[in-house]
Amino acid sequence: MANRGDGPAGDVRVRAEHPEPDVAELIEGSASFTSIAPGETVTAKLRVKRLKSGNELPPLVLDILETDHRLFVSSKVDLQLESQGWQRWMDPPRVHFARVLVPTDGSDQTIVAEITDDSGIARTWAVVDGDKVSYADTSSVHPTTHAVPLPWDPHAEARRYEIVVRDVDGLVTRLVTRL
């Protein structure tokens, strides 16, 4: 940022708006400067964590506030990577319940657990009330997403669900819940 005015800019604050949540996450999203002299240029270093490989990062919206003169500017900027190349963060697999499938014949409903992992999913298994209901060894193909259908009856007593996922890096996620 550059102060192109005749006087000093005082108490300047820079804040990044949150980027698309499935593409990037703000690590350090703000900076402040007590004063910027006329003609002076300053750099605000903000940190963003890329969540998926292979995606172009969207422009980041910066809100800049100069409180002495009550000036506000909002601007889109392209992100510049400090490191060469892209490096995975070694996050463990993520599991969430995505949807419920309701059959037309009146049989039990199915709840679908969606699994995602940037490096690839190697193995997935699911247990409902102690009975294994699903097992998939995908270590030869390394998919980054996998759907696991699970039996579910919303009118019955709650059951214990356990989903265990191992990615190709050896990281494990274990989700245990009652539905």
C-alpha atoms as a PDB file:
ATOM      1  CA  MET A   1       0.000   0.000   0.000  1.00  0.00           C
ATOM      2  CA  ALA A   2       1.215   3.471  -0.763  1.00  0.00           C
ATOM      3  CA  ASN A   3       0.219   6.758   0.811  1.00  0.00           C
ATOM      4  CA  ARG A   4      -0.165   9.112  -2.158  1.00  0.00           C
ATOM      5  CA  GLY A   5      -1.604  11.939  -0.079  1.00  0.00           C
ATOM      6  CA  ASP A   6       0.044  15.099   1.271  1.00  0.00           C
ATOM      7  CA  GLY A   7      -0.273  14.119   4.943  1.00  0.00           C
ATOM      8  CA  PRO A   8       0.345  11.021   7.008  1.00  0.00           C
ATOM      9  CA  ALA A   9      -2.216   8.228   7.082  1.00  0.00           C
ATOM     10  CA  GLY A  10      -2.850   7.211  10.680  1.00  0.00           C
ATOM     11  CA  ASP A  11      -4.081   3.959  12.200  1.00  0.00           C
ATOM     12  CA  VAL A  12      -4.363   2.023   8.947  1.00  0.00           C
ATOM     13  CA  ARG A  13      -5.977  -1.412   9.219  1.00  0.00           C
ATOM     14  CA  VAL A  14      -6.058  -4.106   6.564  1.00  0.00           C
ATOM     15  CA  ARG A  15      -8.464  -7.042   6.812  1.00  0.00           C
ATOM     16  CA  ALA A  16      -8.933  -9.894   4.354  1.00  0.00           C
ATOM     17  CA  GLU A  17     -12.418 -11.213   3.726  1.00  0.00           C
ATOM     18  CA  HIS A  18     -12.716 -14.971   3.987  1.00  0.00           C
ATOM     19  CA  PRO A  19     -12.010 -16.706   0.664  1.00  0.00           C
ATOM     20  CA  GLU A  20     -14.105 -19.568  -0.674  1.00  0.00           C
ATOM     21  CA  PRO A  21     -14.208 -22.013   2.276  1.00  0.00           C
ATOM     22  CA  ASP A  22     -13.449 -25.165   0.264  1.00  0.00           C
ATOM     23  CA  VAL A  23     -10.441 -23.601  -1.529  1.00  0.00           C
ATOM     24  CA  ALA A  24      -8.525 -21.610   1.104  1.00  0.00           C
ATOM     25  CA  GLU A  25      -8.515 -20.692   4.792  1.00  0.00           C
ATOM     26  CA  LEU A  26      -7.217 -17.500   6.410  1.00  0.00           C
ATOM     27  CA  ILE A  27      -4.374 -18.090   8.866  1.00  0.00           C
ATOM     28  CA  GLU A  28      -3.428 -14.432   9.457  1.00  0.00           C
ATOM     29  CA  GLY A  29      -6.129 -12.241   7.998  1.00  0.00           C
ATOM     30  CA  SER A  30      -5.308  -8.746   9.249  1.00  0.00           C
ATOM     31  CA  ALA A  31      -2.519  -6.228   9.695  1.00  0.00           C
ATOM     32  CA  SER A  32      -2.276  -2.698  11.052  1.00  0.00           C
ATOM     33  CA  PHE A  33       0.056   0.291  10.783  1.00  0.00           C
ATOM     34  CA  THR A  34       0.136   3.188  13.244  1.00  0.00           C
ATOM     35  CA  SER A  35       1.178   5.651  10.571  1.00  0.00           C
ATOM     36  CA  ILE A  36       2.154   5.736   6.885  1.00  0.00           C
ATOM     37  CA  ALA A  37       4.100   8.825   5.850  1.00  0.00           C
ATOM     38  CA  PRO A  38       3.320  10.677   2.579  1.00  0.00           C
ATOM     39  CA  GLY A  39       4.945   8.801  -0.326  1.00  0.00           C
ATOM     40  CA  GLU A  40       5.745   5.774   1.862  1.00  0.00           C
ATOM     41  CA  THR A  41       4.903   2.258   0.683  1.00  0.00           C
ATOM     42  CA  VAL A  42       4.218  -0.543   3.165  1.00  0.00           C
ATOM     43  CA  THR A  43       3.554  -4.246   2.728  1.00  0.00           C
ATOM     44  CA  ALA A  44       0.936  -6.164   4.682  1.00  0.00           C
ATOM     45  CA  LYS A  45       1.805  -9.871   4.793  1.00  0.00           C
ATOM     46  CA  LEU A  46      -1.254 -12.041   5.292  1.00  0.00           C
ATOM     47  CA  ARG A  47      -1.219 -15.837   5.403  1.00  0.00           C
ATOM     48  CA  VAL A  48      -3.656 -18.092   3.569  1.00  0.00           C
ATOM     49  CA  LYS A  49      -3.707 -21.893   3.698  1.00  0.00           C
ATOM     50  CA  ARG A  50      -4.582 -23.611   0.424  1.00  0.00           C
ATOM     51  CA  LEU A  51      -6.946 -26.521   1.134  1.00  0.00           C
ATOM     52  CA  LYS A  52      -6.888 -28.376  -2.181  1.00  0.00           C
ATOM     53  CA  SER A  53      -4.133 -29.034  -4.644  1.00  0.00           C
ATOM     54  CA  GLY A  54      -4.481 -28.113  -8.299  1.00  0.00           C
ATOM     55  CA  ASN A  55      -6.879 -25.248  -7.719  1.00  0.00           C
ATOM     56  CA  GLU A  56      -6.112 -21.691  -8.711  1.00  0.00           C
ATOM     57  CA  LEU A  57      -6.540 -19.443  -5.728  1.00  0.00           C
ATOM     58  CA  PRO A  58      -9.366 -16.937  -6.125  1.00  0.00           C
ATOM     59  CA  PRO A  59      -8.567 -13.249  -5.682  1.00  0.00           C
ATOM     60  CA  LEU A  60      -8.711 -12.090  -2.085  1.00  0.00           C
ATOM     61  CA  VAL A  61     -10.869  -9.127  -1.105  1.00  0.00           C
ATOM     62  CA  LEU A  62      -9.019  -6.681   1.154  1.00  0.00           C
ATOM     63  CA  ASP A  63     -10.792  -4.066   3.245  1.00  0.00           C
ATOM     64  CA  ILE A  64      -8.520  -1.110   4.087  1.00  0.00           C
ATOM     65  CA  LEU A  65      -9.531   1.405   6.747  1.00  0.00           C
ATOM     66  CA  GLU A  66      -7.700   4.616   7.605  1.00  0.00           C
ATOM     67  CA  THR A  67      -9.298   5.762  10.856  1.00  0.00           C
ATOM     68  CA  ASP A  68      -7.809   9.276  11.182  1.00  0.00           C
ATOM     69  CA  HIS A  69      -9.707  10.502   8.101  1.00  0.00           C
ATOM     70  CA  ARG A  70     -12.376   7.762   8.144  1.00  0.00           C
ATOM     71  CA  LEU A  71     -11.472   6.434   4.698  1.00  0.00           C
ATOM     72  CA  PHE A  72     -12.527   2.954   3.616  1.00  0.00           C
ATOM     73  CA  VAL A  73     -11.471   1.071   0.469  1.00  0.00           C
ATOM     74  CA  SER A  74     -12.286  -2.470  -0.602  1.00  0.00           C
ATOM     75  CA  SER A  75     -10.168  -4.049  -3.320  1.00  0.00           C
ATOM     76  CA  LYS A  76      -9.581  -7.459  -4.941  1.00  0.00           C
ATOM     77  CA  VAL A  77      -5.966  -8.603  -5.097  1.00  0.00           C
ATOM     78  CA  ASP A  78      -4.336 -11.683  -6.580  1.00  0.00           C
ATOM     79  CA  LEU A  79      -2.483 -13.853  -4.103  1.00  0.00           C
ATOM     80  CA  GLN A  80       1.257 -14.330  -4.476  1.00  0.00           C
ATOM     81  CA  LEU A  81       2.827 -17.528  -3.186  1.00  0.00           C
ATOM     82  CA  GLU A  82       6.002 -17.066  -1.141  1.00  0.00           C
ATOM     83  CA  SER A  83       7.224 -20.641  -1.532  1.00  0.00           C
ATOM     84  CA  GLN A  84       8.005 -22.344  -4.811  1.00  0.00           C
ATOM     85  CA  GLY A  85       5.500 -24.998  -5.804  1.00  0.00           C
ATOM     86  CA  TRP A  86       2.718 -26.373  -3.682  1.00  0.00           C
ATOM     87  CA  GLN A  87       3.038 -28.408  -0.545  1.00  0.00           C
ATOM     88  CA  ARG A  88       0.289 -30.486   1.055  1.00  0.00           C
ATOM     89  CA  TRP A  89      -0.513 -29.844   4.687  1.00  0.00           C
ATOM     90  CA  MET A  90      -0.905 -33.541   5.506  1.00  0.00           C
ATOM     91  CA  ASP A  91      -4.465 -33.092   6.747  1.00  0.00           C
ATOM     92  CA  PRO A  92      -6.271 -36.260   7.800  1.00  0.00           C
ATOM     93  CA  PRO A  93      -9.317 -37.407   5.822  1.00  0.00           C
ATOM     94  CA  ARG A  94     -12.540 -35.456   6.408  1.00  0.00           C
ATOM     95  CA  VAL A  95     -15.881 -37.208   7.030  1.00  0.00           C
ATOM     96  CA  HIS A  96     -19.337 -35.647   7.082  1.00  0.00           C
ATOM     97  CA  PHE A  97     -22.898 -36.835   6.625  1.00  0.00           C
ATOM     98  CA  ALA A  98     -24.010 -35.402   3.311  1.00  0.00           C
ATOM     99  CA  ARG A  99     -27.514 -36.573   2.550  1.00  0.00           C
ATOM    100  CA  VAL A 100     -30.352 -38.981   3.287  1.00  0.00           C
ATOM    101  CA  LEU A 101     -31.735 -41.263   0.588  1.00  0.00           C
ATOM    102  CA  VAL A 102     -35.431 -42.055   1.013  1.00  0.00           C
ATOM    103  CA  PRO A 103     -36.568 -45.173  -0.896  1.00  0.00           C
ATOM    104  CA  THR A 104     -39.991 -45.183  -2.537  1.00  0.00           C
ATOM    105  CA  ASP A 105     -40.787 -48.767  -1.429  1.00  0.00           C
ATOM    106  CA  GLY A 106     -40.967 -47.916   2.303  1.00  0.00           C
ATOM    107  CA  SER A 107     -37.780 -49.747   3.301  1.00  0.00           C
ATOM    108  CA  ASP A 108     -35.148 -48.252   5.628  1.00  0.00           C
ATOM    109  CA  GLN A 109     -33.607 -44.951   4.676  1.00  0.00           C
ATOM    110  CA  THR A 110     -29.927 -44.611   3.873  1.00  0.00           C
ATOM    111  CA  ILE A 111     -27.655 -41.885   5.189  1.00  0.00           C
ATOM    112  CA  VAL A 112     -24.574 -41.146   3.077  1.00  0.00           C
ATOM    113  CA  ALA A 113     -21.229 -40.318   4.666  1.00  0.00           C
ATOM    114  CA  GLU A 114     -18.957 -38.357   2.321  1.00  0.00           C
ATOM    115  CA  ILE A 115     -15.196 -38.720   2.743  1.00  0.00           C
ATOM    116  CA  THR A 116     -12.608 -36.387   1.204  1.00  0.00           C
ATOM    117  CA  ASP A 117      -8.821 -36.325   1.338  1.00  0.00           C
ATOM    118  CA  ASP A 118      -6.372 -34.344  -0.814  1.00  0.00           C
ATOM    119  CA  SER A 119      -3.720 -37.065  -0.974  1.00  0.00           C
ATOM    120  CA  GLY A 120      -6.099 -39.963  -1.654  1.00  0.00           C
ATOM    121  CA  ILE A 121      -8.161 -42.432   0.343  1.00  0.00           C
ATOM    122  CA  ALA A 122      -6.599 -45.864   0.906  1.00  0.00           C
ATOM    123  CA  ARG A 123      -9.122 -47.708   3.060  1.00  0.00           C
ATOM    124  CA  THR A 124     -12.575 -47.082   4.519  1.00  0.00           C
ATOM    125  CA  TRP A 125     -14.746 -49.169   6.799  1.00  0.00           C
ATOM    126  CA  ALA A 126     -17.994 -48.524   8.600  1.00  0.00           C
ATOM    127  CA  VAL A 127     -19.562 -50.305  11.570  1.00  0.00           C
ATOM    128  CA  VAL A 128     -23.154 -49.873  12.798  1.00  0.00           C
ATOM    129  CA  ASP A 129     -23.913 -51.250  16.297  1.00  0.00           C
ATOM    130  CA  GLY A 130     -20.860 -53.522  16.104  1.00  0.00           C
ATOM    131  CA  ASP A 131     -21.659 -54.973  12.645  1.00  0.00           C
ATOM    132  CA  LYS A 132     -19.373 -54.105   9.730  1.00  0.00           C
ATOM    133  CA  VAL A 133     -21.637 -52.697   6.998  1.00  0.00           C
ATOM    134  CA  SER A 134     -19.046 -51.319   4.573  1.00  0.00           C
ATOM    135  CA  TYR A 135     -15.414 -51.893   3.648  1.00  0.00           C
ATOM    136  CA  ALA A 136     -13.497 -50.461   0.711  1.00  0.00           C
ATOM    137  CA  ASP A 137      -9.817 -50.884  -0.106  1.00  0.00           C
ATOM    138  CA  THR A 138      -9.053 -48.151  -2.648  1.00  0.00           C
ATOM    139  CA  SER A 139      -5.283 -48.109  -2.117  1.00  0.00           C
ATOM    140  CA  SER A 140      -4.617 -48.983  -5.765  1.00  0.00           C
ATOM    141  CA  VAL A 141      -6.630 -46.054  -7.209  1.00  0.00           C
ATOM    142  CA  HIS A 142      -6.334 -43.339  -4.497  1.00  0.00           C
ATOM    143  CA  PRO A 143      -9.671 -41.501  -4.979  1.00  0.00           C
ATOM    144  CA  THR A 144      -9.912 -38.120  -3.262  1.00  0.00           C
ATOM    145  CA  THR A 145     -13.636 -38.567  -2.520  1.00  0.00           C
ATOM    146  CA  HIS A 146     -15.651 -41.588  -1.471  1.00  0.00           C
ATOM    147  CA  ALA A 147     -19.319 -42.027  -0.484  1.00  0.00           C
ATOM    148  CA  VAL A 148     -20.374 -44.621   2.092  1.00  0.00           C
ATOM    149  CA  PRO A 149     -24.098 -45.481   2.269  1.00  0.00           C
ATOM    150  CA  LEU A 150     -25.231 -46.525   5.759  1.00  0.00           C
ATOM    151  CA  PRO A 151     -28.567 -47.993   6.893  1.00  0.00           C
ATOM    152  CA  TRP A 152     -30.638 -45.576   8.949  1.00  0.00           C
ATOM    153  CA  ASP A 153     -34.135 -45.577  10.423  1.00  0.00           C
ATOM    154  CA  PRO A 154     -35.061 -42.169  11.872  1.00  0.00           C
ATOM    155  CA  HIS A 155     -37.989 -43.720  13.804  1.00  0.00           C
ATOM    156  CA  ALA A 156     -35.928 -46.394  15.587  1.00  0.00           C
ATOM    157  CA  GLU A 157     -33.744 -46.056  18.659  1.00  0.00           C
ATOM    158  CA  ALA A 158     -30.412 -44.295  18.052  1.00  0.00           C
ATOM    159  CA  ARG A 159     -27.650 -46.575  16.764  1.00  0.00           C
ATOM    160  CA  ARG A 160     -23.864 -46.330  17.142  1.00  0.00           C
ATOM    161  CA  TYR A 161     -22.055 -45.485  13.887  1.00  0.00           C
ATOM    162  CA  GLU A 162     -18.281 -45.729  13.497  1.00  0.00           C
ATOM    163  CA  ILE A 163     -16.470 -44.735  10.308  1.00  0.00           C
ATOM    164  CA  VAL A 164     -12.705 -45.215  10.013  1.00  0.00           C
ATOM    165  CA  VAL A 165     -10.729 -43.814   7.084  1.00  0.00           C
ATOM    166  CA  ARG A 166      -7.005 -44.158   6.300  1.00  0.00           C
ATOM    167  CA  ASP A 167      -5.410 -42.038   3.578  1.00  0.00           C
ATOM    168  CA  VAL A 168      -2.388 -42.925   1.455  1.00  0.00           C
ATOM    169  CA  ASP A 169      -0.117 -40.968   3.839  1.00  0.00           C
ATOM    170  CA  GLY A 170      -1.221 -43.192   6.747  1.00  0.00           C
ATOM    171  CA  LEU A 171      -3.308 -40.526   8.486  1.00  0.00           C
ATOM    172  CA  VAL A 172      -6.493 -41.883  10.094  1.00  0.00           C
ATOM    173  CA  THR A 173      -9.832 -40.272  10.885  1.00  0.00           C
ATOM    174  CA  ARG A 174     -12.296 -42.064  13.153  1.00  0.00           C
ATOM    175  CA  LEU A 175     -15.825 -40.688  13.459  1.00  0.00           C
ATOM    176  CA  VAL A 176     -18.073 -42.181  16.141  1.00  0.00           C
ATOM    177  CA  THR A 177     -21.618 -40.907  16.651  1.00  0.00           C
ATOM    178  CA  ARG A 178     -25.136 -41.984  17.520  1.00  0.00           C
ATOM    179  CA  LEU A 179     -27.953 -41.372  15.060  1.00  0.00           C
END
